Amino acid sequence: MNDWVRACKGGDPACSDFSVAGPFTEWVVLGVIAFRVPGKLEWDSANMRFTNSEEANSYVKPTFRQGWELTL
């Protein structure tokens, strides 16, 4: 926690700031999707989508049941 507070006050960046945690999370989620979808998958990081599998893309941004939508 002290690491985070120091970073918020303008000190050294936290040891797991978004520049580290973002790509790591993307990597983990891609592994989970690859486990669910058979075959080779090609990931386009700039567009955040698979170029060769619509099934895999359905896991990237899930759809929600009516009444459970997420508004941003």
N, C-alpha and C. Protein backbone atom coordinates (compact mmCIF):
# COMPACT_ATOMS: atom_id res chain seq x y z
N MET A 1 0.82 -1.17 0.00
CA MET A 1 0.00 0.00 0.00
C MET A 1 0.88 1.25 0.00
N ASN A 2 1.96 1.21 0.73
CA ASN A 2 2.86 2.37 0.76
C ASN A 2 3.44 2.65 -0.63
N ASP A 3 3.68 1.59 -1.38
CA ASP A 3 4.19 1.73 -2.74
C ASP A 3 3.19 2.52 -3.59
N TRP A 4 1.91 2.20 -3.48
CA TRP A 4 0.85 2.87 -4.23
C TRP A 4 0.70 4.33 -3.80
N VAL A 5 0.73 4.59 -2.49
CA VAL A 5 0.59 5.95 -1.97
C VAL A 5 1.76 6.81 -2.44
N ARG A 6 2.97 6.27 -2.40
CA ARG A 6 4.15 7.00 -2.86
C ARG A 6 4.00 7.39 -4.33
N ALA A 7 3.50 6.46 -5.15
CA ALA A 7 3.30 6.74 -6.58
C ALA A 7 2.24 7.81 -6.78
N CYS A 8 1.17 7.78 -5.98
CA CYS A 8 0.10 8.78 -6.10
C CYS A 8 0.60 10.17 -5.75
N LYS A 9 1.57 10.25 -4.86
CA LYS A 9 2.10 11.55 -4.44
C LYS A 9 3.22 12.05 -5.35
N GLY A 10 3.43 11.36 -6.51
CA GLY A 10 4.41 11.82 -7.47
C GLY A 10 5.78 11.19 -7.33
N GLY A 11 5.91 10.19 -6.50
CA GLY A 11 7.19 9.51 -6.34
C GLY A 11 7.41 8.49 -7.45
N ASP A 12 8.27 7.53 -7.18
CA ASP A 12 8.54 6.47 -8.15
C ASP A 12 7.24 5.75 -8.51
N PRO A 13 7.13 5.24 -9.75
CA PRO A 13 5.93 4.49 -10.13
C PRO A 13 5.78 3.24 -9.26
N ALA A 14 4.55 2.84 -9.06
CA ALA A 14 4.29 1.62 -8.29
C ALA A 14 4.89 0.43 -9.02
N CYS A 15 5.21 -0.62 -8.29
CA CYS A 15 5.87 -1.78 -8.91
C CYS A 15 4.94 -2.51 -9.87
N SER A 16 3.65 -2.32 -9.76
CA SER A 16 2.71 -2.95 -10.68
C SER A 16 1.72 -1.91 -11.21
N ASP A 17 2.26 -0.86 -11.82
CA ASP A 17 1.39 0.17 -12.38
C ASP A 17 0.73 -0.35 -13.66
N PHE A 18 -0.09 0.48 -14.30
CA PHE A 18 -0.85 0.02 -15.45
C PHE A 18 0.02 -0.36 -16.64
N SER A 19 1.22 0.18 -16.74
CA SER A 19 2.09 -0.20 -17.85
C SER A 19 2.55 -1.65 -17.72
N VAL A 20 2.50 -2.19 -16.52
CA VAL A 20 2.85 -3.60 -16.28
C VAL A 20 1.58 -4.45 -16.20
N ALA A 21 0.61 -4.00 -15.42
CA ALA A 21 -0.59 -4.79 -15.17
C ALA A 21 -1.47 -4.93 -16.41
N GLY A 22 -1.56 -3.91 -17.26
CA GLY A 22 -2.39 -3.98 -18.46
C GLY A 22 -1.97 -5.08 -19.42
N PRO A 23 -0.71 -5.06 -19.88
CA PRO A 23 -0.26 -6.13 -20.78
C PRO A 23 -0.30 -7.51 -20.13
N PHE A 24 -0.02 -7.60 -18.84
CA PHE A 24 -0.08 -8.89 -18.15
C PHE A 24 -1.50 -9.44 -18.15
N THR A 25 -2.48 -8.57 -17.86
CA THR A 25 -3.88 -9.00 -17.86
C THR A 25 -4.31 -9.43 -19.25
N GLU A 26 -3.90 -8.68 -20.28
CA GLU A 26 -4.22 -9.05 -21.66
C GLU A 26 -3.67 -10.44 -21.97
N TRP A 27 -2.46 -10.71 -21.57
CA TRP A 27 -1.80 -11.99 -21.82
C TRP A 27 -2.56 -13.14 -21.14
N VAL A 28 -2.97 -12.93 -19.90
CA VAL A 28 -3.70 -13.97 -19.16
C VAL A 28 -5.06 -14.24 -19.81
N VAL A 29 -5.79 -13.19 -20.16
CA VAL A 29 -7.11 -13.36 -20.79
C VAL A 29 -6.97 -14.07 -22.13
N LEU A 30 -5.95 -13.73 -22.91
CA LEU A 30 -5.74 -14.41 -24.19
C LEU A 30 -5.48 -15.90 -23.98
N GLY A 31 -4.78 -16.25 -22.92
CA GLY A 31 -4.56 -17.66 -22.61
C GLY A 31 -5.85 -18.39 -22.29
N VAL A 32 -6.73 -17.75 -21.54
CA VAL A 32 -8.02 -18.35 -21.20
C VAL A 32 -8.86 -18.54 -22.46
N ILE A 33 -8.87 -17.55 -23.34
CA ILE A 33 -9.63 -17.67 -24.59
C ILE A 33 -9.04 -18.77 -25.46
N ALA A 34 -7.73 -18.86 -25.56
CA ALA A 34 -7.08 -19.89 -26.35
C ALA A 34 -7.40 -21.29 -25.83
N PHE A 35 -7.59 -21.41 -24.53
CA PHE A 35 -7.95 -22.69 -23.94
C PHE A 35 -9.36 -23.09 -24.35
N ARG A 36 -10.26 -22.12 -24.52
CA ARG A 36 -11.66 -22.39 -24.85
C ARG A 36 -11.90 -22.61 -26.34
N VAL A 37 -11.10 -21.97 -27.20
CA VAL A 37 -11.33 -22.01 -28.65
C VAL A 37 -10.24 -22.87 -29.30
N PRO A 38 -10.64 -23.93 -30.01
CA PRO A 38 -9.63 -24.79 -30.64
C PRO A 38 -8.99 -24.13 -31.86
N GLY A 39 -7.77 -24.55 -32.16
CA GLY A 39 -7.07 -24.06 -33.35
C GLY A 39 -6.15 -22.89 -33.05
N LYS A 40 -5.42 -22.48 -34.05
CA LYS A 40 -4.48 -21.37 -33.93
C LYS A 40 -5.24 -20.05 -33.99
N LEU A 41 -4.92 -19.14 -33.08
CA LEU A 41 -5.56 -17.83 -33.03
C LEU A 41 -4.53 -16.75 -33.34
N GLU A 42 -4.96 -15.75 -34.10
CA GLU A 42 -4.08 -14.63 -34.42
C GLU A 42 -4.67 -13.37 -33.79
N TRP A 43 -3.89 -12.74 -32.90
CA TRP A 43 -4.35 -11.60 -32.11
C TRP A 43 -3.84 -10.30 -32.68
N ASP A 44 -4.73 -9.34 -32.88
CA ASP A 44 -4.38 -7.99 -33.32
C ASP A 44 -4.47 -7.08 -32.10
N SER A 45 -3.35 -6.82 -31.47
CA SER A 45 -3.32 -6.08 -30.22
C SER A 45 -3.80 -4.63 -30.39
N ALA A 46 -3.49 -4.01 -31.51
CA ALA A 46 -3.88 -2.62 -31.73
C ALA A 46 -5.40 -2.47 -31.77
N ASN A 47 -6.09 -3.45 -32.36
CA ASN A 47 -7.54 -3.38 -32.47
C ASN A 47 -8.27 -4.23 -31.42
N MET A 48 -7.52 -4.90 -30.56
CA MET A 48 -8.08 -5.73 -29.48
C MET A 48 -9.08 -6.75 -30.01
N ARG A 49 -8.66 -7.51 -31.04
CA ARG A 49 -9.55 -8.54 -31.58
C ARG A 49 -8.72 -9.63 -32.28
N PHE A 50 -9.32 -10.79 -32.42
CA PHE A 50 -8.70 -11.87 -33.17
C PHE A 50 -9.02 -11.67 -34.64
N THR A 51 -8.06 -11.87 -35.50
CA THR A 51 -8.27 -11.64 -36.92
C THR A 51 -8.84 -12.87 -37.61
N ASN A 52 -8.79 -14.03 -36.98
CA ASN A 52 -9.22 -15.24 -37.67
C ASN A 52 -10.29 -16.05 -36.94
N SER A 53 -10.93 -15.50 -35.92
CA SER A 53 -11.92 -16.29 -35.19
C SER A 53 -12.97 -15.40 -34.55
N GLU A 54 -14.18 -15.45 -35.09
CA GLU A 54 -15.27 -14.70 -34.47
C GLU A 54 -15.69 -15.33 -33.15
N GLU A 55 -15.54 -16.64 -33.04
CA GLU A 55 -15.87 -17.31 -31.78
C GLU A 55 -14.98 -16.77 -30.66
N ALA A 56 -13.69 -16.64 -30.93
CA ALA A 56 -12.76 -16.11 -29.93
C ALA A 56 -13.09 -14.65 -29.62
N ASN A 57 -13.49 -13.88 -30.63
CA ASN A 57 -13.84 -12.48 -30.41
C ASN A 57 -15.05 -12.34 -29.51
N SER A 58 -15.91 -13.33 -29.50
CA SER A 58 -17.09 -13.25 -28.64
C SER A 58 -16.71 -13.28 -27.16
N TYR A 59 -15.53 -13.80 -26.84
CA TYR A 59 -15.07 -13.82 -25.45
C TYR A 59 -14.34 -12.53 -25.07
N VAL A 60 -13.87 -11.78 -26.06
CA VAL A 60 -13.12 -10.55 -25.76
C VAL A 60 -14.03 -9.50 -25.13
N LYS A 61 -15.19 -9.30 -25.71
CA LYS A 61 -16.15 -8.35 -25.17
C LYS A 61 -17.48 -9.08 -25.03
N PRO A 62 -17.78 -9.56 -23.85
CA PRO A 62 -18.96 -10.39 -23.68
C PRO A 62 -20.26 -9.60 -23.81
N THR A 63 -21.32 -10.31 -24.13
CA THR A 63 -22.65 -9.71 -24.16
C THR A 63 -23.34 -10.06 -22.85
N PHE A 64 -24.20 -9.17 -22.40
CA PHE A 64 -24.88 -9.37 -21.13
C PHE A 64 -26.36 -9.62 -21.35
N ARG A 65 -26.97 -10.37 -20.46
CA ARG A 65 -28.40 -10.60 -20.52
C ARG A 65 -29.14 -9.29 -20.28
N GLN A 66 -30.36 -9.22 -20.79
CA GLN A 66 -31.16 -8.02 -20.60
C GLN A 66 -31.36 -7.75 -19.11
N GLY A 67 -31.16 -6.51 -18.74
CA GLY A 67 -31.25 -6.13 -17.33
C GLY A 67 -29.91 -6.16 -16.62
N TRP A 68 -28.90 -6.77 -17.24
CA TRP A 68 -27.57 -6.86 -16.64
C TRP A 68 -26.52 -6.13 -17.47
N GLU A 69 -26.97 -5.20 -18.31
CA GLU A 69 -26.05 -4.47 -19.18
C GLU A 69 -25.10 -3.60 -18.33
N LEU A 70 -23.96 -3.37 -18.90
CA LEU A 70 -22.95 -2.53 -18.25
C LEU A 70 -22.85 -1.23 -19.05
N THR A 71 -23.23 -0.13 -18.44
CA THR A 71 -23.14 1.14 -19.15
C THR A 71 -21.91 1.89 -18.69
N LEU A 72 -21.15 2.35 -19.65
CA LEU A 72 -19.92 3.09 -19.32
C LEU A 72 -20.05 4.53 -19.69
